[in-house]
Amino acid sequence: VLVSRVTTTRSDMGIGYELDVIATVVLGGTSIFGGVGTIWGTVVGLAMIQLLKDGLALTGVKGDATIVVIGTVLILSTLVASSLQRRHDGV
């Protein structure tokens, strides 16, 4: 999608989107420990990440602070998923 919006491409286009993609998929319900996810879950995760980024931009948070917030959300969601999985397994 990114390349279709520009007339030329470079090898470094898309750098910095990795965290957003991983956070989108994990927040959408795909387990980071392996498993399956759904397209609709990923769409919901995308909406959540975009709302978070837009909200941070509206409050004046920019650059590296946004990356820190998204990383924190990713870590927290992984910890919650892990604890729920352990509770489900009876450990």
PDB file of N, CA and C in Angstrom:
ATOM      1  N   VAL A   1       0.834  -1.181   0.000  1.00  0.00           N
ATOM      2  CA  VAL A   1       0.000   0.000   0.000  1.00  0.00           C
ATOM      3  C   VAL A   1       0.880   1.246   0.000  1.00  0.00           C
ATOM      4  N   LEU A   2       1.937   1.216   0.780  1.00  0.00           N
ATOM      5  CA  LEU A   2       2.830   2.376   0.849  1.00  0.00           C
ATOM      6  C   LEU A   2       3.466   2.661  -0.508  1.00  0.00           C
ATOM      7  N   VAL A   3       3.936   1.640  -1.174  1.00  0.00           N
ATOM      8  CA  VAL A   3       4.613   1.817  -2.462  1.00  0.00           C
ATOM      9  C   VAL A   3       3.632   2.297  -3.526  1.00  0.00           C
ATOM     10  N   SER A   4       2.376   1.907  -3.427  1.00  0.00           N
ATOM     11  CA  SER A   4       1.407   2.333  -4.437  1.00  0.00           C
ATOM     12  C   SER A   4       1.100   3.824  -4.352  1.00  0.00           C
ATOM     13  N   ARG A   5       1.452   4.471  -3.260  1.00  0.00           N
ATOM     14  CA  ARG A   5       1.168   5.896  -3.092  1.00  0.00           C
ATOM     15  C   ARG A   5       2.298   6.796  -3.569  1.00  0.00           C
ATOM     16  N   VAL A   6       3.448   6.234  -3.870  1.00  0.00           N
ATOM     17  CA  VAL A   6       4.581   7.032  -4.322  1.00  0.00           C
ATOM     18  C   VAL A   6       4.984   6.577  -5.714  1.00  0.00           C
ATOM     19  N   THR A   7       5.759   7.405  -6.397  1.00  0.00           N
ATOM     20  CA  THR A   7       6.136   7.055  -7.764  1.00  0.00           C
ATOM     21  C   THR A   7       7.432   6.264  -7.830  1.00  0.00           C
ATOM     22  N   THR A   8       8.239   6.326  -6.775  1.00  0.00           N
ATOM     23  CA  THR A   8       9.480   5.561  -6.749  1.00  0.00           C
ATOM     24  C   THR A   8       9.565   4.802  -5.434  1.00  0.00           C
ATOM     25  N   THR A   9      10.432   3.810  -5.414  1.00  0.00           N
ATOM     26  CA  THR A   9      10.617   3.040  -4.182  1.00  0.00           C
ATOM     27  C   THR A   9      12.080   3.071  -3.777  1.00  0.00           C
ATOM     28  N   ARG A  10      12.293   2.872  -2.501  1.00  0.00           N
ATOM     29  CA  ARG A  10      13.637   2.753  -1.948  1.00  0.00           C
ATOM     30  C   ARG A  10      13.642   1.544  -1.029  1.00  0.00           C
ATOM     31  N   SER A  11      14.820   1.040  -0.780  1.00  0.00           N
ATOM     32  CA  SER A  11      14.917  -0.147   0.065  1.00  0.00           C
ATOM     33  C   SER A  11      14.594   0.146   1.521  1.00  0.00           C
ATOM     34  N   ASP A  12      14.649   1.403   1.924  1.00  0.00           N
ATOM     35  CA  ASP A  12      14.371   1.732   3.319  1.00  0.00           C
ATOM     36  C   ASP A  12      12.948   2.238   3.554  1.00  0.00           C
ATOM     37  N   MET A  13      12.103   2.159   2.545  1.00  0.00           N
ATOM     38  CA  MET A  13      10.711   2.549   2.741  1.00  0.00           C
ATOM     39  C   MET A  13      10.035   1.525   3.645  1.00  0.00           C
ATOM     40  N   GLY A  14       9.341   1.984   4.621  1.00  0.00           N
ATOM     41  CA  GLY A  14       8.651   1.083   5.533  1.00  0.00           C
ATOM     42  C   GLY A  14       9.406   0.825   6.815  1.00  0.00           C
ATOM     43  N   ILE A  15      10.612   1.383   6.931  1.00  0.00           N
ATOM     44  CA  ILE A  15      11.348   1.222   8.180  1.00  0.00           C
ATOM     45  C   ILE A  15      10.589   1.976   9.268  1.00  0.00           C
ATOM     46  N   GLY A  16      10.396   1.334  10.373  1.00  0.00           N
ATOM     47  CA  GLY A  16       9.660   1.934  11.470  1.00  0.00           C
ATOM     48  C   GLY A  16       8.232   1.438  11.589  1.00  0.00           C
ATOM     49  N   TYR A  17       7.767   0.715  10.597  1.00  0.00           N
ATOM     50  CA  TYR A  17       6.413   0.176  10.650  1.00  0.00           C
ATOM     51  C   TYR A  17       6.358  -1.207  11.300  1.00  0.00           C
ATOM     52  N   GLU A  18       7.507  -1.783  11.608  1.00  0.00           N
ATOM     53  CA  GLU A  18       7.536  -3.141  12.141  1.00  0.00           C
ATOM     54  C   GLU A  18       6.793  -3.240  13.468  1.00  0.00           C
ATOM     55  N   LEU A  19       7.048  -2.301  14.374  1.00  0.00           N
ATOM     56  CA  LEU A  19       6.397  -2.331  15.681  1.00  0.00           C
ATOM     57  C   LEU A  19       4.891  -2.163  15.535  1.00  0.00           C
ATOM     58  N   ASP A  20       4.473  -1.273  14.652  1.00  0.00           N
ATOM     59  CA  ASP A  20       3.042  -1.073  14.437  1.00  0.00           C
ATOM     60  C   ASP A  20       2.376  -2.344  13.927  1.00  0.00           C
ATOM     61  N   VAL A  21       3.030  -3.041  13.021  1.00  0.00           N
ATOM     62  CA  VAL A  21       2.459  -4.262  12.456  1.00  0.00           C
ATOM     63  C   VAL A  21       2.352  -5.349  13.519  1.00  0.00           C
ATOM     64  N   ILE A  22       3.416  -5.544  14.288  1.00  0.00           N
ATOM     65  CA  ILE A  22       3.392  -6.573  15.330  1.00  0.00           C
ATOM     66  C   ILE A  22       2.334  -6.239  16.377  1.00  0.00           C
ATOM     67  N   ALA A  23       2.278  -4.987  16.812  1.00  0.00           N
ATOM     68  CA  ALA A  23       1.287  -4.584  17.809  1.00  0.00           C
ATOM     69  C   ALA A  23      -0.130  -4.737  17.270  1.00  0.00           C
ATOM     70  N   THR A  24      -0.342  -4.420  16.011  1.00  0.00           N
ATOM     71  CA  THR A  24      -1.660  -4.568  15.400  1.00  0.00           C
ATOM     72  C   THR A  24      -2.121  -6.012  15.426  1.00  0.00           C
ATOM     73  N   VAL A  25      -1.258  -6.913  15.028  1.00  0.00           N
ATOM     74  CA  VAL A  25      -1.629  -8.324  14.954  1.00  0.00           C
ATOM     75  C   VAL A  25      -1.853  -8.903  16.350  1.00  0.00           C
ATOM     76  N   VAL A  26      -0.981  -8.552  17.297  1.00  0.00           N
ATOM     77  CA  VAL A  26      -1.120  -9.087  18.655  1.00  0.00           C
ATOM     78  C   VAL A  26      -2.366  -8.519  19.328  1.00  0.00           C
ATOM     79  N   LEU A  27      -2.614  -7.222  19.196  1.00  0.00           N
ATOM     80  CA  LEU A  27      -3.821  -6.647  19.776  1.00  0.00           C
ATOM     81  C   LEU A  27      -5.077  -7.172  19.102  1.00  0.00           C
ATOM     82  N   GLY A  28      -4.938  -7.620  17.874  1.00  0.00           N
ATOM     83  CA  GLY A  28      -6.066  -8.199  17.160  1.00  0.00           C
ATOM     84  C   GLY A  28      -6.405  -9.611  17.583  1.00  0.00           C
ATOM     85  N   GLY A  29      -5.610 -10.185  18.472  1.00  0.00           N
ATOM     86  CA  GLY A  29      -5.956 -11.493  19.015  1.00  0.00           C
ATOM     87  C   GLY A  29      -5.052 -12.628  18.606  1.00  0.00           C
ATOM     88  N   THR A  30      -4.085 -12.397  17.745  1.00  0.00           N
ATOM     89  CA  THR A  30      -3.158 -13.455  17.372  1.00  0.00           C
ATOM     90  C   THR A  30      -2.124 -13.613  18.476  1.00  0.00           C
ATOM     91  N   SER A  31      -1.928 -14.844  18.929  1.00  0.00           N
ATOM     92  CA  SER A  31      -0.990 -15.091  20.017  1.00  0.00           C
ATOM     93  C   SER A  31       0.440 -14.928  19.528  1.00  0.00           C
ATOM     94  N   ILE A  32       1.241 -14.234  20.318  1.00  0.00           N
ATOM     95  CA  ILE A  32       2.644 -14.058  19.970  1.00  0.00           C
ATOM     96  C   ILE A  32       3.422 -15.350  20.211  1.00  0.00           C
ATOM     97  N   PHE A  33       2.810 -16.273  20.943  1.00  0.00           N
ATOM     98  CA  PHE A  33       3.445 -17.548  21.250  1.00  0.00           C
ATOM     99  C   PHE A  33       3.091 -18.624  20.234  1.00  0.00           C
ATOM    100  N   GLY A  34       2.381 -18.261  19.196  1.00  0.00           N
ATOM    101  CA  GLY A  34       1.984 -19.217  18.172  1.00  0.00           C
ATOM    102  C   GLY A  34       0.484 -19.417  18.225  1.00  0.00           C
ATOM    103  N   GLY A  35      -0.087 -19.636  17.117  1.00  0.00           N
ATOM    104  CA  GLY A  35      -1.528 -19.830  17.085  1.00  0.00           C
ATOM    105  C   GLY A  35      -2.119 -19.199  15.847  1.00  0.00           C
ATOM    106  N   VAL A  36      -3.409 -19.069  15.871  1.00  0.00           N
ATOM    107  CA  VAL A  36      -4.100 -18.523  14.710  1.00  0.00           C
ATOM    108  C   VAL A  36      -4.792 -17.230  15.097  1.00  0.00           C
ATOM    109  N   GLY A  37      -5.006 -16.414  14.120  1.00  0.00           N
ATOM    110  CA  GLY A  37      -5.729 -15.166  14.305  1.00  0.00           C
ATOM    111  C   GLY A  37      -6.743 -15.018  13.189  1.00  0.00           C
ATOM    112  N   THR A  38      -7.494 -13.959  13.244  1.00  0.00           N
ATOM    113  CA  THR A  38      -8.498 -13.715  12.218  1.00  0.00           C
ATOM    114  C   THR A  38      -8.230 -12.370  11.547  1.00  0.00           C
ATOM    115  N   ILE A  39      -8.751 -12.229  10.362  1.00  0.00           N
ATOM    116  CA  ILE A  39      -8.634 -10.965   9.645  1.00  0.00           C
ATOM    117  C   ILE A  39      -9.363  -9.866  10.409  1.00  0.00           C
ATOM    118  N   TRP A  40     -10.552 -10.178  10.906  1.00  0.00           N
ATOM    119  CA  TRP A  40     -11.334  -9.170  11.620  1.00  0.00           C
ATOM    120  C   TRP A  40     -10.645  -8.752  12.909  1.00  0.00           C
ATOM    121  N   GLY A  41      -9.996  -9.681  13.578  1.00  0.00           N
ATOM    122  CA  GLY A  41      -9.232  -9.327  14.767  1.00  0.00           C
ATOM    123  C   GLY A  41      -8.096  -8.381  14.430  1.00  0.00           C
ATOM    124  N   THR A  42      -7.432  -8.637  13.319  1.00  0.00           N
ATOM    125  CA  THR A  42      -6.346  -7.763  12.881  1.00  0.00           C
ATOM    126  C   THR A  42      -6.873  -6.379  12.522  1.00  0.00           C
ATOM    127  N   VAL A  43      -8.033  -6.318  11.904  1.00  0.00           N
ATOM    128  CA  VAL A  43      -8.642  -5.022  11.576  1.00  0.00           C
ATOM    129  C   VAL A  43      -8.969  -4.252  12.858  1.00  0.00           C
ATOM    130  N   VAL A  44      -9.480  -4.954  13.870  1.00  0.00           N
ATOM    131  CA  VAL A  44      -9.764  -4.313  15.157  1.00  0.00           C
ATOM    132  C   VAL A  44      -8.461  -3.829  15.797  1.00  0.00           C
ATOM    133  N   GLY A  45      -7.419  -4.651  15.743  1.00  0.00           N
ATOM    134  CA  GLY A  45      -6.118  -4.244  16.265  1.00  0.00           C
ATOM    135  C   GLY A  45      -5.576  -3.028  15.542  1.00  0.00           C
ATOM    136  N   LEU A  46      -5.763  -2.979  14.237  1.00  0.00           N
ATOM    137  CA  LEU A  46      -5.331  -1.825  13.448  1.00  0.00           C
ATOM    138  C   LEU A  46      -6.065  -0.561  13.883  1.00  0.00           C
ATOM    139  N   ALA A  47      -7.369  -0.689  14.086  1.00  0.00           N
ATOM    140  CA  ALA A  47      -8.147   0.467  14.537  1.00  0.00           C
ATOM    141  C   ALA A  47      -7.680   0.935  15.911  1.00  0.00           C
ATOM    142  N   MET A  48      -7.373  -0.007  16.800  1.00  0.00           N
ATOM    143  CA  MET A  48      -6.913   0.357  18.139  1.00  0.00           C
ATOM    144  C   MET A  48      -5.570   1.077  18.086  1.00  0.00           C
ATOM    145  N   ILE A  49      -4.634   0.570  17.295  1.00  0.00           N
ATOM    146  CA  ILE A  49      -3.323   1.213  17.181  1.00  0.00           C
ATOM    147  C   ILE A  49      -3.449   2.592  16.550  1.00  0.00           C
ATOM    148  N   GLN A  50      -4.274   2.707  15.515  1.00  0.00           N
ATOM    149  CA  GLN A  50      -4.426   4.009  14.861  1.00  0.00           C
ATOM    150  C   GLN A  50      -5.095   5.016  15.784  1.00  0.00           C
ATOM    151  N   LEU A  51      -6.101   4.578  16.544  1.00  0.00           N
ATOM    152  CA  LEU A  51      -6.734   5.477  17.510  1.00  0.00           C
ATOM    153  C   LEU A  51      -5.743   5.913  18.579  1.00  0.00           C
ATOM    154  N   LEU A  52      -4.904   4.985  19.021  1.00  0.00           N
ATOM    155  CA  LEU A  52      -3.883   5.314  20.013  1.00  0.00           C
ATOM    156  C   LEU A  52      -2.895   6.341  19.455  1.00  0.00           C
ATOM    157  N   LYS A  53      -2.417   6.114  18.233  1.00  0.00           N
ATOM    158  CA  LYS A  53      -1.464   7.041  17.621  1.00  0.00           C
ATOM    159  C   LYS A  53      -2.092   8.414  17.380  1.00  0.00           C
ATOM    160  N   ASP A  54      -3.344   8.435  16.914  1.00  0.00           N
ATOM    161  CA  ASP A  54      -4.020   9.713  16.684  1.00  0.00           C
ATOM    162  C   ASP A  54      -4.261  10.449  17.999  1.00  0.00           C
ATOM    163  N   GLY A  55      -4.659   9.719  19.026  1.00  0.00           N
ATOM    164  CA  GLY A  55      -4.871  10.337  20.331  1.00  0.00           C
ATOM    165  C   GLY A  55      -3.594  10.918  20.900  1.00  0.00           C
ATOM    166  N   LEU A  56      -2.504  10.185  20.745  1.00  0.00           N
ATOM    167  CA  LEU A  56      -1.220  10.693  21.220  1.00  0.00           C
ATOM    168  C   LEU A  56      -0.796  11.933  20.439  1.00  0.00           C
ATOM    169  N   ALA A  57      -1.044  11.928  19.136  1.00  0.00           N
ATOM    170  CA  ALA A  57      -0.689  13.094  18.317  1.00  0.00           C
ATOM    171  C   ALA A  57      -1.526  14.312  18.709  1.00  0.00           C
ATOM    172  N   LEU A  58      -2.797  14.099  19.019  1.00  0.00           N
ATOM    173  CA  LEU A  58      -3.658  15.212  19.420  1.00  0.00           C
ATOM    174  C   LEU A  58      -3.251  15.804  20.764  1.00  0.00           C
ATOM    175  N   THR A  59      -2.671  14.978  21.627  1.00  0.00           N
ATOM    176  CA  THR A  59      -2.231  15.485  22.930  1.00  0.00           C
ATOM    177  C   THR A  59      -0.819  16.047  22.879  1.00  0.00           C
ATOM    178  N   GLY A  60      -0.189  15.991  21.718  1.00  0.00           N
ATOM    179  CA  GLY A  60       1.130  16.588  21.559  1.00  0.00           C
ATOM    180  C   GLY A  60       2.288  15.630  21.751  1.00  0.00           C
ATOM    181  N   VAL A  61       2.006  14.357  21.932  1.00  0.00           N
ATOM    182  CA  VAL A  61       3.072  13.364  22.081  1.00  0.00           C
ATOM    183  C   VAL A  61       3.584  13.023  20.690  1.00  0.00           C
ATOM    184  N   LYS A  62       4.905  13.097  20.504  1.00  0.00           N
ATOM    185  CA  LYS A  62       5.463  12.864  19.174  1.00  0.00           C
ATOM    186  C   LYS A  62       6.667  11.941  19.236  1.00  0.00           C
ATOM    187  N   GLY A  63       7.008  11.405  18.084  1.00  0.00           N
ATOM    188  CA  GLY A  63       8.263  10.690  17.891  1.00  0.00           C
ATOM    189  C   GLY A  63       8.456   9.472  18.758  1.00  0.00           C
ATOM    190  N   ASP A  64       9.575   9.485  19.482  1.00  0.00           N
ATOM    191  CA  ASP A  64       9.982   8.321  20.255  1.00  0.00           C
ATOM    192  C   ASP A  64       9.010   7.988  21.377  1.00  0.00           C
ATOM    193  N   ALA A  65       8.333   8.978  21.922  1.00  0.00           N
ATOM    194  CA  ALA A  65       7.374   8.710  22.992  1.00  0.00           C
ATOM    195  C   ALA A  65       6.221   7.853  22.482  1.00  0.00           C
ATOM    196  N   THR A  66       5.805   8.059  21.248  1.00  0.00           N
ATOM    197  CA  THR A  66       4.753   7.234  20.659  1.00  0.00           C
ATOM    198  C   THR A  66       5.214   5.792  20.539  1.00  0.00           C
ATOM    199  N   ILE A  67       6.451   5.592  20.138  1.00  0.00           N
ATOM    200  CA  ILE A  67       6.999   4.242  20.025  1.00  0.00           C
ATOM    201  C   ILE A  67       7.042   3.573  21.392  1.00  0.00           C
ATOM    202  N   VAL A  68       7.418   4.331  22.417  1.00  0.00           N
ATOM    203  CA  VAL A  68       7.465   3.781  23.778  1.00  0.00           C
ATOM    204  C   VAL A  68       6.070   3.372  24.236  1.00  0.00           C
ATOM    205  N   VAL A  69       5.074   4.190  23.958  1.00  0.00           N
ATOM    206  CA  VAL A  69       3.706   3.873  24.367  1.00  0.00           C
ATOM    207  C   VAL A  69       3.206   2.627  23.645  1.00  0.00           C
ATOM    208  N   ILE A  70       3.440   2.530  22.351  1.00  0.00           N
ATOM    209  CA  ILE A  70       3.002   1.355  21.595  1.00  0.00           C
ATOM    210  C   ILE A  70       3.736   0.110  22.079  1.00  0.00           C
ATOM    211  N   GLY A  71       5.018   0.226  22.347  1.00  0.00           N
ATOM    212  CA  GLY A  71       5.775  -0.901  22.887  1.00  0.00           C
ATOM    213  C   GLY A  71       5.259  -1.336  24.243  1.00  0.00           C
ATOM    214  N   THR A  72       4.899  -0.374  25.083  1.00  0.00           N
ATOM    215  CA  THR A  72       4.342  -0.694  26.395  1.00  0.00           C
ATOM    216  C   THR A  72       3.003  -1.408  26.261  1.00  0.00           C
ATOM    217  N   VAL A  73       2.162  -0.944  25.359  1.00  0.00           N
ATOM    218  CA  VAL A  73       0.879  -1.608  25.113  1.00  0.00           C
ATOM    219  C   VAL A  73       1.107  -3.031  24.623  1.00  0.00           C
ATOM    220  N   LEU A  74       2.091  -3.229  23.753  1.00  0.00           N
ATOM    221  CA  LEU A  74       2.408  -4.561  23.248  1.00  0.00           C
ATOM    222  C   LEU A  74       2.877  -5.475  24.376  1.00  0.00           C
ATOM    223  N   ILE A  75       3.751  -4.980  25.234  1.00  0.00           N
ATOM    224  CA  ILE A  75       4.245  -5.786  26.357  1.00  0.00           C
ATOM    225  C   ILE A  75       3.107  -6.124  27.313  1.00  0.00           C
ATOM    226  N   LEU A  76       2.272  -5.147  27.637  1.00  0.00           N
ATOM    227  CA  LEU A  76       1.152  -5.397  28.545  1.00  0.00           C
ATOM    228  C   LEU A  76       0.165  -6.403  27.969  1.00  0.00           C
ATOM    229  N   SER A  77      -0.129  -6.297  26.682  1.00  0.00           N
ATOM    230  CA  SER A  77      -1.061  -7.250  26.078  1.00  0.00           C
ATOM    231  C   SER A  77      -0.474  -8.652  26.050  1.00  0.00           C
ATOM    232  N   THR A  78       0.832  -8.764  25.855  1.00  0.00           N
ATOM    233  CA  THR A  78       1.484 -10.072  25.887  1.00  0.00           C
ATOM    234  C   THR A  78       1.454 -10.656  27.293  1.00  0.00           C
ATOM    235  N   LEU A  79       1.695  -9.827  28.307  1.00  0.00           N
ATOM    236  CA  LEU A  79       1.637 -10.302  29.692  1.00  0.00           C
ATOM    237  C   LEU A  79       0.230 -10.747  30.074  1.00  0.00           C
ATOM    238  N   VAL A  80      -0.773  -9.995  29.672  1.00  0.00           N
ATOM    239  CA  VAL A  80      -2.155 -10.372  29.963  1.00  0.00           C
ATOM    240  C   VAL A  80      -2.513 -11.673  29.261  1.00  0.00           C
ATOM    241  N   ALA A  81      -2.144 -11.805  27.999  1.00  0.00           N
ATOM    242  CA  ALA A  81      -2.432 -13.037  27.261  1.00  0.00           C
ATOM    243  C   ALA A  81      -1.725 -14.228  27.885  1.00  0.00           C
ATOM    244  N   SER A  82      -0.503 -14.031  28.339  1.00  0.00           N
ATOM    245  CA  SER A  82       0.249 -15.114  28.970  1.00  0.00           C
ATOM    246  C   SER A  82      -0.395 -15.537  30.282  1.00  0.00           C
ATOM    247  N   SER A  83      -0.813 -14.571  31.095  1.00  0.00           N
ATOM    248  CA  SER A  83      -1.439 -14.927  32.369  1.00  0.00           C
ATOM    249  C   SER A  83      -2.793 -15.585  32.162  1.00  0.00           C
ATOM    250  N   LEU A  84      -3.547 -15.142  31.164  1.00  0.00           N
ATOM    251  CA  LEU A  84      -4.820 -15.795  30.859  1.00  0.00           C
ATOM    252  C   LEU A  84      -4.608 -17.218  30.367  1.00  0.00           C
ATOM    253  N   GLN A  85      -3.570 -17.430  29.576  1.00  0.00           N
ATOM    254  CA  GLN A  85      -3.274 -18.774  29.083  1.00  0.00           C
ATOM    255  C   GLN A  85      -2.875 -19.691  30.232  1.00  0.00           C
ATOM    256  N   ARG A  86      -2.054 -19.187  31.159  1.00  0.00           N
ATOM    257  CA  ARG A  86      -1.661 -19.994  32.319  1.00  0.00           C
ATOM    258  C   ARG A  86      -2.870 -20.319  33.184  1.00  0.00           C
ATOM    259  N   ARG A  87      -3.749 -19.361  33.366  1.00  0.00           N
ATOM    260  CA  ARG A  87      -4.956 -19.596  34.157  1.00  0.00           C
ATOM    261  C   ARG A  87      -5.841 -20.634  33.480  1.00  0.00           C
ATOM    262  N   HIS A  88      -5.936 -20.564  32.156  1.00  0.00           N
ATOM    263  CA  HIS A  88      -6.745 -21.525  31.403  1.00  0.00           C
ATOM    264  C   HIS A  88      -6.162 -22.928  31.482  1.00  0.00           C
ATOM    265  N   ASP A  89      -4.839 -23.024  31.471  1.00  0.00           N
ATOM    266  CA  ASP A  89      -4.171 -24.326  31.538  1.00  0.00           C
ATOM    267  C   ASP A  89      -4.136 -24.888  32.952  1.00  0.00           C
ATOM    268  N   GLY A  90      -4.474 -24.078  33.941  1.00  0.00           N
ATOM    269  CA  GLY A  90      -4.504 -24.552  35.316  1.00  0.00           C
ATOM    270  C   GLY A  90      -3.165 -24.548  36.010  1.00  0.00           C
ATOM    271  N   VAL A  91      -2.230 -23.742  35.536  1.00  0.00           N
ATOM    272  CA  VAL A  91      -0.902 -23.684  36.155  1.00  0.00           C
ATOM    273  C   VAL A  91      -0.888 -22.642  37.234  1.00  0.00           C
TER     274      VAL A  91
END
